[in-house]
């Protein structure tokens, strides 16, 4: 069971890590509006940053593109590729 949940146990049997140890804290959500952009948030400096992109209203064609996301310091940046149709997305970001 412990392997299924990714748990580690110390030698004396006390749980060191459980499934909830790495839960993050959501610090923001931003709409891309289908354009390149960035957001500055000092909360990005408080831990390991992760994000999730939610695509809004996927067009019927397969030629759509979601943005690439990067973080540098307290700035989260999203950039669309030059090819394809840029579609609006919501980027939810958090720190662990």
N, C-alpha and C. Protein backbone atom coordinates (compact mmCIF):
# COMPACT_ATOMS: atom_id res chain seq x y z
N UNK A 1 0.82 -1.19 0.00
CA UNK A 1 0.00 0.00 0.00
C UNK A 1 0.86 1.26 0.00
N UNK A 2 1.93 1.25 0.76
CA UNK A 2 2.77 2.44 0.84
C UNK A 2 3.33 2.82 -0.53
N UNK A 3 3.72 1.84 -1.34
CA UNK A 3 4.26 2.13 -2.65
C UNK A 3 3.24 2.77 -3.57
N UNK A 4 1.98 2.41 -3.42
CA UNK A 4 0.93 2.99 -4.26
C UNK A 4 0.77 4.48 -4.00
N UNK A 5 0.99 4.91 -2.79
CA UNK A 5 0.81 6.30 -2.44
C UNK A 5 2.11 7.08 -2.44
N UNK A 6 3.21 6.43 -2.77
CA UNK A 6 4.49 7.12 -2.79
C UNK A 6 4.97 7.50 -1.41
N UNK A 7 4.66 6.71 -0.41
CA UNK A 7 5.04 7.04 0.95
C UNK A 7 6.42 6.46 1.27
N UNK A 8 7.15 7.16 2.12
CA UNK A 8 8.39 6.63 2.67
C UNK A 8 8.21 6.53 4.16
N UNK A 9 8.82 5.56 4.76
CA UNK A 9 8.68 5.37 6.20
C UNK A 9 10.08 5.40 6.82
N UNK A 10 10.21 6.13 7.91
CA UNK A 10 11.48 6.15 8.63
C UNK A 10 11.72 4.80 9.26
N UNK A 11 12.92 4.57 9.73
CA UNK A 11 13.27 3.27 10.33
C UNK A 11 12.39 2.90 11.51
N UNK A 12 11.99 3.88 12.27
CA UNK A 12 11.18 3.56 13.46
C UNK A 12 9.69 3.46 13.13
N UNK A 13 9.32 3.48 11.85
CA UNK A 13 7.94 3.30 11.43
C UNK A 13 7.10 4.56 11.35
N UNK A 14 7.71 5.71 11.62
CA UNK A 14 6.97 6.97 11.53
C UNK A 14 6.98 7.44 10.08
N UNK A 15 5.78 7.81 9.57
CA UNK A 15 5.68 8.25 8.18
C UNK A 15 6.42 9.56 7.98
N UNK A 16 7.30 9.59 7.00
CA UNK A 16 8.07 10.78 6.69
C UNK A 16 7.36 11.60 5.62
N UNK A 17 6.80 10.94 4.61
CA UNK A 17 6.09 11.60 3.53
C UNK A 17 4.81 10.84 3.26
N UNK A 18 3.70 11.56 3.10
CA UNK A 18 2.45 10.92 2.74
C UNK A 18 1.89 11.61 1.50
N UNK A 19 0.75 11.17 0.97
CA UNK A 19 0.22 11.76 -0.27
C UNK A 19 -0.05 13.26 -0.18
N UNK A 20 -0.17 13.81 1.03
CA UNK A 20 -0.50 15.21 1.17
C UNK A 20 0.71 16.10 1.41
N UNK A 21 1.89 15.51 1.56
CA UNK A 21 3.09 16.29 1.86
C UNK A 21 3.40 17.30 0.76
N UNK A 22 3.21 16.92 -0.50
CA UNK A 22 3.58 17.80 -1.61
C UNK A 22 2.42 18.62 -2.16
N UNK A 23 1.35 18.78 -1.39
CA UNK A 23 0.24 19.61 -1.87
C UNK A 23 0.71 21.05 -2.00
N UNK A 24 0.28 21.69 -3.07
CA UNK A 24 0.67 23.07 -3.29
C UNK A 24 -0.36 24.06 -2.78
N UNK A 25 -0.03 25.32 -2.89
CA UNK A 25 -0.92 26.40 -2.50
C UNK A 25 -1.14 27.27 -3.73
N UNK A 26 -2.39 27.32 -4.22
CA UNK A 26 -2.69 28.13 -5.40
C UNK A 26 -2.48 29.59 -5.03
N UNK A 27 -1.71 30.29 -5.88
CA UNK A 27 -1.47 31.71 -5.61
C UNK A 27 -2.04 32.62 -6.68
N UNK A 28 -2.44 32.04 -7.82
CA UNK A 28 -3.01 32.92 -8.84
C UNK A 28 -3.60 32.19 -10.01
N UNK A 29 -4.37 32.97 -10.77
CA UNK A 29 -5.00 32.48 -12.00
C UNK A 29 -5.05 33.66 -12.95
N UNK A 30 -4.68 33.42 -14.21
CA UNK A 30 -4.65 34.51 -15.18
C UNK A 30 -5.20 34.01 -16.52
N UNK A 31 -5.92 34.87 -17.21
CA UNK A 31 -6.43 34.55 -18.54
C UNK A 31 -5.43 35.08 -19.56
N UNK A 32 -5.12 34.25 -20.57
CA UNK A 32 -4.17 34.67 -21.60
C UNK A 32 -4.83 35.55 -22.65
N UNK A 33 -6.16 35.47 -22.77
CA UNK A 33 -6.90 36.20 -23.80
C UNK A 33 -6.37 35.92 -25.21
N UNK A 34 -5.71 34.78 -25.38
CA UNK A 34 -5.21 34.40 -26.70
C UNK A 34 -4.04 35.24 -27.18
N UNK A 35 -3.27 35.81 -26.25
CA UNK A 35 -2.12 36.65 -26.61
C UNK A 35 -0.96 36.37 -25.67
N UNK A 36 0.26 36.64 -26.13
CA UNK A 36 1.43 36.51 -25.27
C UNK A 36 1.31 37.49 -24.11
N UNK A 37 1.90 37.12 -22.97
CA UNK A 37 1.85 38.04 -21.84
C UNK A 37 2.61 37.52 -20.64
N UNK A 38 2.46 38.24 -19.54
CA UNK A 38 3.14 37.85 -18.31
C UNK A 38 2.40 38.45 -17.12
N UNK A 39 2.70 37.93 -15.96
CA UNK A 39 2.15 38.45 -14.72
C UNK A 39 3.27 38.43 -13.68
N UNK A 40 3.32 39.47 -12.87
CA UNK A 40 4.31 39.56 -11.80
C UNK A 40 3.60 39.27 -10.49
N UNK A 41 4.16 38.33 -9.73
CA UNK A 41 3.54 37.92 -8.47
C UNK A 41 4.65 37.48 -7.53
N UNK A 42 4.85 38.21 -6.44
CA UNK A 42 5.91 37.87 -5.48
C UNK A 42 5.69 36.51 -4.83
N UNK A 43 4.46 35.97 -4.88
CA UNK A 43 4.19 34.64 -4.36
C UNK A 43 4.97 33.57 -5.09
N UNK A 44 5.39 33.86 -6.32
CA UNK A 44 6.18 32.89 -7.09
C UNK A 44 7.54 32.63 -6.45
N UNK A 45 7.97 33.51 -5.58
CA UNK A 45 9.27 33.38 -4.92
C UNK A 45 9.21 32.49 -3.68
N UNK A 46 8.01 32.04 -3.30
CA UNK A 46 7.85 31.35 -2.02
C UNK A 46 7.92 29.83 -2.10
N UNK A 47 8.30 29.27 -3.24
CA UNK A 47 8.42 27.81 -3.34
C UNK A 47 8.64 27.37 -4.77
N UNK A 48 8.52 26.06 -4.98
CA UNK A 48 8.67 25.49 -6.33
C UNK A 48 7.37 25.76 -7.09
N UNK A 49 7.47 26.43 -8.23
CA UNK A 49 6.30 26.85 -8.98
C UNK A 49 5.84 25.75 -9.94
N UNK A 50 4.53 25.55 -9.98
CA UNK A 50 3.90 24.64 -10.94
C UNK A 50 2.69 25.35 -11.51
N UNK A 51 2.19 24.87 -12.65
CA UNK A 51 1.04 25.51 -13.26
C UNK A 51 0.26 24.50 -14.07
N UNK A 52 -0.97 24.89 -14.38
CA UNK A 52 -1.85 24.08 -15.22
C UNK A 52 -2.51 25.02 -16.22
N UNK A 53 -2.54 24.60 -17.48
CA UNK A 53 -3.19 25.38 -18.53
C UNK A 53 -4.54 24.76 -18.82
N UNK A 54 -5.59 25.57 -18.77
CA UNK A 54 -6.94 25.12 -19.12
C UNK A 54 -7.34 25.85 -20.39
N UNK A 55 -7.59 25.07 -21.43
CA UNK A 55 -7.97 25.65 -22.72
C UNK A 55 -9.47 25.96 -22.70
N UNK A 56 -9.81 27.15 -23.17
CA UNK A 56 -11.20 27.58 -23.18
C UNK A 56 -11.73 27.53 -24.61
N UNK A 57 -12.90 26.91 -24.80
CA UNK A 57 -13.56 26.88 -26.11
C UNK A 57 -12.63 26.40 -27.23
N UNK A 58 -12.26 25.14 -27.19
CA UNK A 58 -11.38 24.57 -28.21
C UNK A 58 -12.07 24.66 -29.57
N UNK A 59 -11.42 25.24 -30.57
CA UNK A 59 -12.02 25.36 -31.90
C UNK A 59 -12.17 23.98 -32.56
N UNK A 60 -13.09 23.86 -33.51
CA UNK A 60 -13.31 22.56 -34.15
C UNK A 60 -12.13 22.07 -34.97
N UNK A 61 -11.27 22.94 -35.44
CA UNK A 61 -10.10 22.49 -36.21
C UNK A 61 -9.00 22.03 -35.26
N UNK A 62 -8.07 21.27 -35.78
CA UNK A 62 -6.98 20.77 -34.94
C UNK A 62 -5.77 21.70 -34.95
N UNK A 63 -5.88 22.86 -35.59
CA UNK A 63 -4.75 23.77 -35.71
C UNK A 63 -4.66 24.79 -34.61
N UNK A 64 -4.99 24.42 -33.38
CA UNK A 64 -4.90 25.38 -32.29
C UNK A 64 -3.62 25.17 -31.51
N UNK A 65 -3.24 26.20 -30.77
CA UNK A 65 -2.01 26.11 -30.00
C UNK A 65 -2.21 26.71 -28.62
N UNK A 66 -1.77 25.99 -27.60
CA UNK A 66 -1.75 26.51 -26.23
C UNK A 66 -0.38 27.14 -26.01
N UNK A 67 -0.27 28.05 -25.07
CA UNK A 67 1.02 28.73 -24.85
C UNK A 67 2.02 27.87 -24.08
N UNK A 68 3.28 28.23 -24.24
CA UNK A 68 4.35 27.69 -23.40
C UNK A 68 4.46 28.62 -22.20
N UNK A 69 4.75 28.05 -21.03
CA UNK A 69 4.83 28.85 -19.81
C UNK A 69 6.23 28.73 -19.23
N UNK A 70 6.73 29.83 -18.72
CA UNK A 70 8.02 29.82 -18.03
C UNK A 70 7.96 30.78 -16.85
N UNK A 71 8.85 30.55 -15.89
CA UNK A 71 8.91 31.39 -14.70
C UNK A 71 10.35 31.81 -14.48
N UNK A 72 10.53 33.09 -14.23
CA UNK A 72 11.85 33.63 -13.89
C UNK A 72 11.64 34.61 -12.74
N UNK A 73 12.16 34.23 -11.58
CA UNK A 73 11.97 35.07 -10.40
C UNK A 73 10.50 35.18 -10.05
N UNK A 74 9.98 36.40 -10.01
CA UNK A 74 8.58 36.60 -9.66
C UNK A 74 7.69 36.88 -10.88
N UNK A 75 8.16 36.49 -12.07
CA UNK A 75 7.42 36.73 -13.31
C UNK A 75 7.09 35.41 -13.99
N UNK A 76 5.79 35.19 -14.24
CA UNK A 76 5.32 34.05 -15.00
C UNK A 76 4.97 34.57 -16.39
N UNK A 77 5.55 33.95 -17.42
CA UNK A 77 5.37 34.40 -18.80
C UNK A 77 4.77 33.29 -19.63
N UNK A 78 3.85 33.64 -20.54
CA UNK A 78 3.31 32.67 -21.48
C UNK A 78 3.52 33.19 -22.89
N UNK A 79 3.90 32.26 -23.77
CA UNK A 79 4.22 32.60 -25.15
C UNK A 79 3.59 31.58 -26.07
N UNK A 80 2.86 32.05 -27.06
CA UNK A 80 2.27 31.17 -28.06
C UNK A 80 3.27 30.94 -29.17
N UNK A 81 3.17 29.78 -29.82
CA UNK A 81 4.00 29.49 -30.98
C UNK A 81 3.54 30.39 -32.12
N UNK A 82 4.40 30.58 -33.11
CA UNK A 82 4.03 31.45 -34.23
C UNK A 82 3.02 30.77 -35.16
N UNK A 83 3.01 29.46 -35.22
CA UNK A 83 2.07 28.75 -36.10
C UNK A 83 0.82 28.37 -35.32
N UNK A 84 -0.30 28.23 -36.02
CA UNK A 84 -1.53 27.79 -35.38
C UNK A 84 -2.41 28.94 -34.94
N UNK A 85 -3.55 28.61 -34.45
CA UNK A 85 -4.51 29.59 -33.95
C UNK A 85 -4.32 29.73 -32.45
N UNK A 86 -4.12 30.92 -32.00
CA UNK A 86 -3.95 31.16 -30.57
C UNK A 86 -5.32 31.17 -29.92
N UNK A 87 -5.48 30.39 -28.89
CA UNK A 87 -6.78 30.31 -28.23
C UNK A 87 -6.67 30.77 -26.78
N UNK A 88 -7.73 31.35 -26.26
CA UNK A 88 -7.71 31.79 -24.86
C UNK A 88 -7.54 30.60 -23.91
N UNK A 89 -6.76 30.81 -22.89
CA UNK A 89 -6.51 29.79 -21.87
C UNK A 89 -6.54 30.46 -20.50
N UNK A 90 -6.73 29.65 -19.49
CA UNK A 90 -6.57 30.09 -18.10
C UNK A 90 -5.34 29.36 -17.57
N UNK A 91 -4.42 30.10 -16.99
CA UNK A 91 -3.25 29.49 -16.35
C UNK A 91 -3.43 29.64 -14.85
N UNK A 92 -3.51 28.50 -14.17
CA UNK A 92 -3.58 28.47 -12.71
C UNK A 92 -2.18 28.11 -12.23
N UNK A 93 -1.65 28.86 -11.31
CA UNK A 93 -0.28 28.59 -10.84
C UNK A 93 -0.24 28.52 -9.32
N UNK A 94 0.69 27.71 -8.84
CA UNK A 94 0.82 27.47 -7.40
C UNK A 94 2.25 27.18 -7.04
N UNK A 95 2.53 27.16 -5.75
CA UNK A 95 3.86 26.82 -5.24
C UNK A 95 3.73 25.68 -4.26
N UNK A 96 4.80 24.90 -4.18
CA UNK A 96 4.89 23.82 -3.20
C UNK A 96 6.02 24.11 -2.27
